[in-house]
Amino acid sequence: MSLLQLRTFVEVYRRRSLSEAARAIGITQPAASQHIASLEAQLGRPLFDRHSRGVRPTVIADDLAASIGSSLDTAESALASARARSSRISGTVHIAAPSDLLGEMITPRLAPLLEAGLDLRLHIGGREALYTMLLEDKVHLAVTASQPEDPRLAFHALGEEHLRAVASPAVAMRIAELPLADGLNRTAHLAYDLDRPLLRTWLEANQIELTNQPALTAPDLRVLRSGLRADLGWTVLPGYLIRSERAACTLIEIPAPITVPRNAFYLVWARSSLRHPRVAMARDALIAALRT
């Protein structure tokens, strides 16, 4: 059994598709089919049942995937990292994140990747869009505020930020004139979208219910920050976005009655992408840069 045959098997198993697995590895579909057929001949048992929409793994495939999947990922990642350290790496790496994370946290820390000789292409997207781009091999690395559940994706925890309810001094003063829940409900609030992910986390942690819809939504937290400065209302933002504003007292924290929740950030990649030394190097460099 060759390493490439095993990688082909793992990708077909994870993607349930010969064509998608072949595209991810960079081989033709007939070559992928040949790899699977060779493994089946060596094992003397079928690994997949073919059907119109792809393939279904057999029990033998389930056992083989459980035995080698993560070990193969680890071995390929280690080899790619070693090759990256032993030679000058060049090429293009695609990185994606929500626009505010990309603008405020990631882009200012990309110098080590550029100095290493990489060309970078940056992309913007929300959680589901980021996962789709990774799985479709449109980007190599993504930074998200959610931990992926898809087994085809791997991740590394970068750290946490406090989620703080904030407003301009004038708006915070109006809120403080009433009991907190009443003050928040009677004051316009701003949110990322109607689902209000950050707001909802803070409200649930502090056992407060809002009865009205957001007065303003924008899928960029920097836009919400601008709205706060203009006295448009209050919202909940991660700490990295408001450090200078809090220090300058242009934004005031609304005290949390129970707790200030935290929001974790993750670097995410498709497991198959670490076969490329430039991606392995970019991943390691980005982890180091974002943890400083």
Protein backbone atom coordinates (compact mmCIF):
# COMPACT_ATOMS: atom_id res chain seq x y z
CA MET A 1 0.00 0.00 0.00
CA SER A 2 1.47 3.34 -1.04
CA LEU A 3 1.04 6.56 0.91
CA LEU A 4 -0.82 8.09 -2.02
CA GLN A 5 -3.23 5.15 -2.17
CA LEU A 6 -3.97 5.54 1.52
CA ARG A 7 -4.47 9.31 1.14
CA THR A 8 -6.84 8.66 -1.76
CA PHE A 9 -8.79 6.22 0.39
CA VAL A 10 -9.04 8.67 3.31
CA GLU A 11 -10.21 11.50 1.04
CA VAL A 12 -12.81 9.32 -0.68
CA TYR A 13 -14.00 8.13 2.72
CA ARG A 14 -14.33 11.68 4.08
CA ARG A 15 -15.86 13.20 0.97
CA ARG A 16 -17.97 10.21 -0.12
CA SER A 17 -16.98 11.05 -3.69
CA LEU A 18 -14.22 9.83 -5.99
CA SER A 19 -14.29 13.00 -8.08
CA GLU A 20 -14.09 15.35 -5.10
CA ALA A 21 -11.32 13.29 -3.53
CA ALA A 22 -9.34 13.31 -6.79
CA ARG A 23 -9.68 17.09 -7.05
CA ALA A 24 -8.54 17.58 -3.46
CA ILE A 25 -5.44 15.43 -3.96
CA GLY A 26 -4.64 16.76 -7.42
CA ILE A 27 -5.04 13.55 -9.40
CA THR A 28 -7.51 12.39 -12.03
CA GLN A 29 -10.68 10.51 -11.15
CA PRO A 30 -9.52 7.38 -13.04
CA ALA A 31 -6.31 7.46 -10.97
CA ALA A 32 -8.34 7.72 -7.77
CA SER A 33 -10.51 4.78 -8.87
CA GLN A 34 -7.36 2.78 -9.61
CA HIS A 35 -5.97 3.52 -6.14
CA ILE A 36 -9.16 2.30 -4.47
CA ALA A 37 -9.29 -0.79 -6.69
CA SER A 38 -5.67 -1.61 -5.81
CA LEU A 39 -6.39 -1.33 -2.08
CA GLU A 40 -9.51 -3.49 -2.44
CA ALA A 41 -7.46 -6.12 -4.29
CA GLN A 42 -4.84 -6.14 -1.54
CA LEU A 43 -7.49 -6.40 1.20
CA GLY A 44 -9.64 -8.87 -0.69
CA ARG A 45 -12.77 -6.95 0.32
CA PRO A 46 -14.67 -3.98 -1.14
CA LEU A 47 -14.13 -0.63 0.55
CA PHE A 48 -17.02 1.28 -1.03
CA ASP A 49 -20.39 0.62 -2.58
CA ARG A 50 -20.92 2.82 -5.63
CA HIS A 51 -24.20 4.66 -6.19
CA SER A 52 -25.46 7.51 -8.36
CA ARG A 53 -24.50 10.28 -5.92
CA GLY A 54 -21.09 8.98 -4.88
CA VAL A 55 -19.92 6.11 -2.70
CA ARG A 56 -20.88 4.54 0.62
CA PRO A 57 -18.14 3.07 2.85
CA THR A 58 -18.34 -0.56 3.88
CA VAL A 59 -17.61 -1.79 7.39
CA ILE A 60 -14.06 -2.61 6.26
CA ALA A 61 -13.65 1.01 5.14
CA ASP A 62 -14.96 2.27 8.49
CA ASP A 63 -12.37 0.17 10.33
CA LEU A 64 -9.52 1.22 8.03
CA ALA A 65 -10.41 4.91 8.25
CA ALA A 66 -10.56 4.75 12.04
CA SER A 67 -7.14 3.09 12.12
CA ILE A 68 -5.18 5.33 9.74
CA GLY A 69 -7.08 8.60 9.21
CA SER A 70 -5.66 10.81 11.94
CA SER A 71 -2.24 9.08 11.82
CA LEU A 72 -1.95 9.80 8.11
CA ASP A 73 -2.91 13.45 8.66
CA THR A 74 -0.27 13.78 11.36
CA ALA A 75 2.44 12.12 9.28
CA GLU A 76 1.75 14.23 6.19
CA SER A 77 1.62 17.40 8.25
CA ALA A 78 4.96 16.59 9.90
CA LEU A 79 6.59 15.83 6.53
CA ALA A 80 5.23 19.05 4.99
CA SER A 81 6.43 21.11 7.96
CA ALA A 82 9.88 19.51 7.73
CA ARG A 83 10.12 20.24 4.00
CA ALA A 84 9.02 23.82 4.64
CA ARG A 85 11.77 24.33 7.23
CA SER A 86 14.47 22.78 5.05
CA SER A 87 13.99 24.86 1.91
CA ARG A 88 12.90 28.24 0.63
CA ILE A 89 9.15 28.07 0.12
CA SER A 90 7.21 30.14 -2.38
CA GLY A 91 3.73 30.11 -3.81
CA THR A 92 0.29 31.42 -2.99
CA VAL A 93 -1.71 30.76 0.16
CA HIS A 94 -5.38 31.74 0.43
CA ILE A 95 -6.58 32.89 3.86
CA ALA A 96 -10.17 33.72 4.81
CA ALA A 97 -11.95 35.21 7.81
CA PRO A 98 -14.86 37.50 8.70
CA SER A 99 -14.10 41.03 7.51
CA ASP A 100 -13.58 42.53 10.98
CA LEU A 101 -11.22 39.74 12.07
CA LEU A 102 -9.33 40.00 8.81
CA GLY A 103 -8.98 43.77 9.04
CA GLU A 104 -8.27 44.21 12.73
CA MET A 105 -6.53 41.05 13.94
CA ILE A 106 -5.07 39.10 11.01
CA THR A 107 -3.78 41.48 8.31
CA PRO A 108 -1.52 43.53 10.65
CA ARG A 109 0.28 40.28 11.61
CA LEU A 110 0.98 38.83 8.17
CA ALA A 111 4.52 40.19 7.77
CA PRO A 112 6.22 36.86 8.72
CA LEU A 113 4.38 35.06 5.93
CA LEU A 114 5.31 37.69 3.34
CA GLU A 115 8.92 37.75 4.53
CA ALA A 116 9.03 33.96 4.11
CA GLY A 117 8.32 34.40 0.40
CA LEU A 118 4.62 33.58 0.25
CA ASP A 119 2.05 35.46 -1.78
CA LEU A 120 -1.21 35.86 0.12
CA ARG A 121 -4.76 36.12 -1.16
CA LEU A 122 -7.28 37.22 1.46
CA HIS A 123 -10.98 36.37 1.36
CA ILE A 124 -13.99 37.44 3.42
CA GLY A 125 -16.85 35.25 4.63
CA GLY A 126 -19.06 34.22 7.51
CA ARG A 127 -18.87 30.86 9.29
CA GLU A 128 -20.69 28.66 6.78
CA ALA A 129 -19.05 30.36 3.80
CA LEU A 130 -15.62 29.82 5.35
CA TYR A 131 -16.23 26.12 5.90
CA THR A 132 -17.50 25.73 2.34
CA MET A 133 -14.46 27.51 0.90
CA LEU A 134 -12.15 25.23 2.88
CA LEU A 135 -13.92 22.04 1.83
CA GLU A 136 -14.01 23.12 -1.81
CA ASP A 137 -10.28 23.93 -1.72
CA LYS A 138 -10.91 27.60 -2.52
CA VAL A 139 -8.93 28.70 0.53
CA HIS A 140 -6.23 26.96 2.55
CA LEU A 141 -6.67 28.51 5.99
CA ALA A 142 -9.50 30.29 7.78
CA VAL A 143 -9.91 32.04 11.11
CA THR A 144 -13.31 31.60 12.73
CA ALA A 145 -15.07 32.14 16.02
CA SER A 146 -16.52 28.63 15.91
CA GLN A 147 -15.06 25.15 16.25
CA PRO A 148 -15.72 23.02 13.16
CA GLU A 149 -17.53 19.71 13.54
CA ASP A 150 -16.85 18.32 10.05
CA PRO A 151 -14.21 15.56 10.34
CA ARG A 152 -12.59 16.76 7.10
CA LEU A 153 -11.53 19.94 8.88
CA ALA A 154 -8.85 20.34 11.53
CA PHE A 155 -8.34 23.33 13.81
CA HIS A 156 -6.07 24.97 16.34
CA ALA A 157 -7.36 27.16 19.15
CA LEU A 158 -5.78 30.61 18.91
CA GLY A 159 -7.14 32.13 22.09
CA GLU A 160 -10.13 33.91 23.56
CA GLU A 161 -11.53 37.43 23.74
CA HIS A 162 -14.00 38.83 26.24
CA LEU A 163 -17.38 39.83 24.83
CA ARG A 164 -18.25 43.23 26.26
CA ALA A 165 -21.48 45.20 26.11
CA VAL A 166 -20.52 48.75 25.14
CA ALA A 167 -22.00 52.11 24.16
CA SER A 168 -20.94 55.71 23.85
CA PRO A 169 -20.79 57.66 27.14
CA ALA A 170 -24.07 59.44 26.36
CA VAL A 171 -25.95 56.21 25.55
CA ALA A 172 -24.39 54.33 28.49
CA MET A 173 -25.55 57.11 30.81
CA ARG A 174 -29.14 56.81 29.56
CA ILE A 175 -29.08 53.05 30.07
CA ALA A 176 -27.72 53.47 33.61
CA GLU A 177 -30.69 55.65 34.61
CA LEU A 178 -32.93 52.55 34.64
CA PRO A 179 -32.63 48.98 35.93
CA LEU A 180 -30.28 47.26 33.49
CA ALA A 181 -32.79 45.05 31.66
CA ASP A 182 -35.19 48.00 31.23
CA GLY A 183 -32.39 50.31 30.10
CA LEU A 184 -31.18 47.83 27.50
CA ASN A 185 -34.68 47.15 26.20
CA ARG A 186 -35.55 50.83 25.93
CA THR A 187 -32.37 51.67 24.05
CA ALA A 188 -31.74 50.73 20.41
CA HIS A 189 -29.27 47.91 19.96
CA LEU A 190 -27.05 47.05 17.00
CA ALA A 191 -26.18 43.54 15.85
CA TYR A 192 -24.25 41.51 13.28
CA ASP A 193 -27.51 40.05 11.96
CA LEU A 194 -30.98 39.18 13.18
CA ASP A 195 -29.65 36.06 14.89
CA ARG A 196 -27.47 38.36 17.07
CA PRO A 197 -24.75 35.77 17.93
CA LEU A 198 -22.52 37.93 20.15
CA LEU A 199 -25.42 39.74 21.77
CA ARG A 200 -27.21 36.47 22.43
CA THR A 201 -24.15 35.00 24.14
CA TRP A 202 -23.82 38.01 26.46
CA LEU A 203 -27.56 38.20 27.20
CA GLU A 204 -27.85 34.48 27.99
CA ALA A 205 -24.79 34.59 30.23
CA ASN A 206 -26.37 37.46 32.17
CA GLN A 207 -29.96 36.15 32.10
CA ILE A 208 -31.39 39.18 30.29
CA GLU A 209 -34.04 39.00 27.58
CA LEU A 210 -34.46 41.58 24.83
CA THR A 211 -38.01 42.03 23.56
CA ASN A 212 -37.25 44.10 20.45
CA GLN A 213 -35.39 43.52 17.19
CA PRO A 214 -32.06 45.19 16.39
CA ALA A 215 -32.41 48.76 15.19
CA LEU A 216 -29.43 48.27 12.88
CA THR A 217 -27.63 45.20 11.54
CA ALA A 218 -24.36 44.98 9.60
CA PRO A 219 -22.18 41.91 8.83
CA ASP A 220 -19.03 43.78 9.87
CA LEU A 221 -18.38 44.50 13.53
CA ARG A 222 -16.39 47.59 12.62
CA VAL A 223 -19.56 49.10 11.21
CA LEU A 224 -21.29 48.47 14.54
CA ARG A 225 -18.38 50.12 16.31
CA SER A 226 -18.84 53.21 14.13
CA GLY A 227 -22.54 53.20 14.98
CA LEU A 228 -21.73 53.18 18.67
CA ARG A 229 -19.46 56.18 18.27
CA ALA A 230 -22.35 58.00 16.59
CA ASP A 231 -24.63 57.37 19.61
CA LEU A 232 -26.88 55.01 17.64
CA GLY A 233 -27.30 52.53 20.51
CA TRP A 234 -25.44 49.72 22.26
CA THR A 235 -24.09 46.32 21.29
CA VAL A 236 -21.70 43.53 22.29
CA LEU A 237 -18.23 43.42 20.71
CA PRO A 238 -15.07 41.33 21.22
CA GLY A 239 -12.35 42.97 23.25
CA TYR A 240 -9.81 43.29 20.41
CA LEU A 241 -12.13 45.67 18.55
CA ILE A 242 -12.61 48.15 21.36
CA ARG A 243 -9.36 48.29 23.35
CA SER A 244 -8.34 51.75 22.18
CA GLU A 245 -11.90 53.09 22.43
CA ARG A 246 -12.26 51.89 26.01
CA ALA A 247 -8.86 53.31 26.92
CA ALA A 248 -9.86 56.67 25.45
CA CYS A 249 -13.34 56.45 27.03
CA THR A 250 -15.02 57.01 23.66
CA LEU A 251 -16.85 53.75 24.35
CA ILE A 252 -17.97 52.71 27.83
CA GLU A 253 -18.52 49.16 29.02
CA ILE A 254 -22.00 48.39 30.31
CA PRO A 255 -21.32 46.36 33.48
CA ALA A 256 -22.32 42.71 33.20
CA PRO A 257 -24.49 41.76 36.20
CA ILE A 258 -23.32 38.12 36.25
CA THR A 259 -20.33 37.50 33.97
CA VAL A 260 -18.41 38.75 30.96
CA PRO A 261 -18.45 35.78 28.55
CA ARG A 262 -15.55 34.79 26.32
CA ASN A 263 -15.42 34.04 22.63
CA ALA A 264 -12.83 31.60 21.26
CA PHE A 265 -11.04 31.92 17.92
CA TYR A 266 -9.73 29.06 15.80
CA LEU A 267 -7.46 28.57 12.82
CA VAL A 268 -9.13 25.98 10.58
CA TRP A 269 -7.89 24.04 7.55
CA ALA A 270 -8.90 21.07 5.42
CA ARG A 271 -6.86 18.09 6.58
CA SER A 272 -5.76 17.29 3.03
CA SER A 273 -4.30 20.78 2.46
CA LEU A 274 -1.31 20.20 4.77
CA ARG A 275 0.29 17.95 2.18
CA HIS A 276 1.57 21.19 0.64
CA PRO A 277 4.67 22.55 2.42
CA ARG A 278 3.68 26.19 1.82
CA VAL A 279 0.34 25.63 3.56
CA ALA A 280 1.98 23.86 6.49
CA MET A 281 4.47 26.71 6.83
CA ALA A 282 1.74 29.35 6.56
CA ARG A 283 -0.32 27.54 9.20
CA ASP A 284 2.59 27.39 11.65
CA ALA A 285 3.56 31.02 11.01
CA LEU A 286 -0.01 32.24 11.37
CA ILE A 287 -0.48 30.37 14.65
CA ALA A 288 2.69 31.98 16.00
CA ALA A 289 1.69 35.44 14.77
CA LEU A 290 -1.87 35.35 16.07
CA ARG A 291 -0.85 34.09 19.51
CA THR A 292 1.59 36.94 20.12
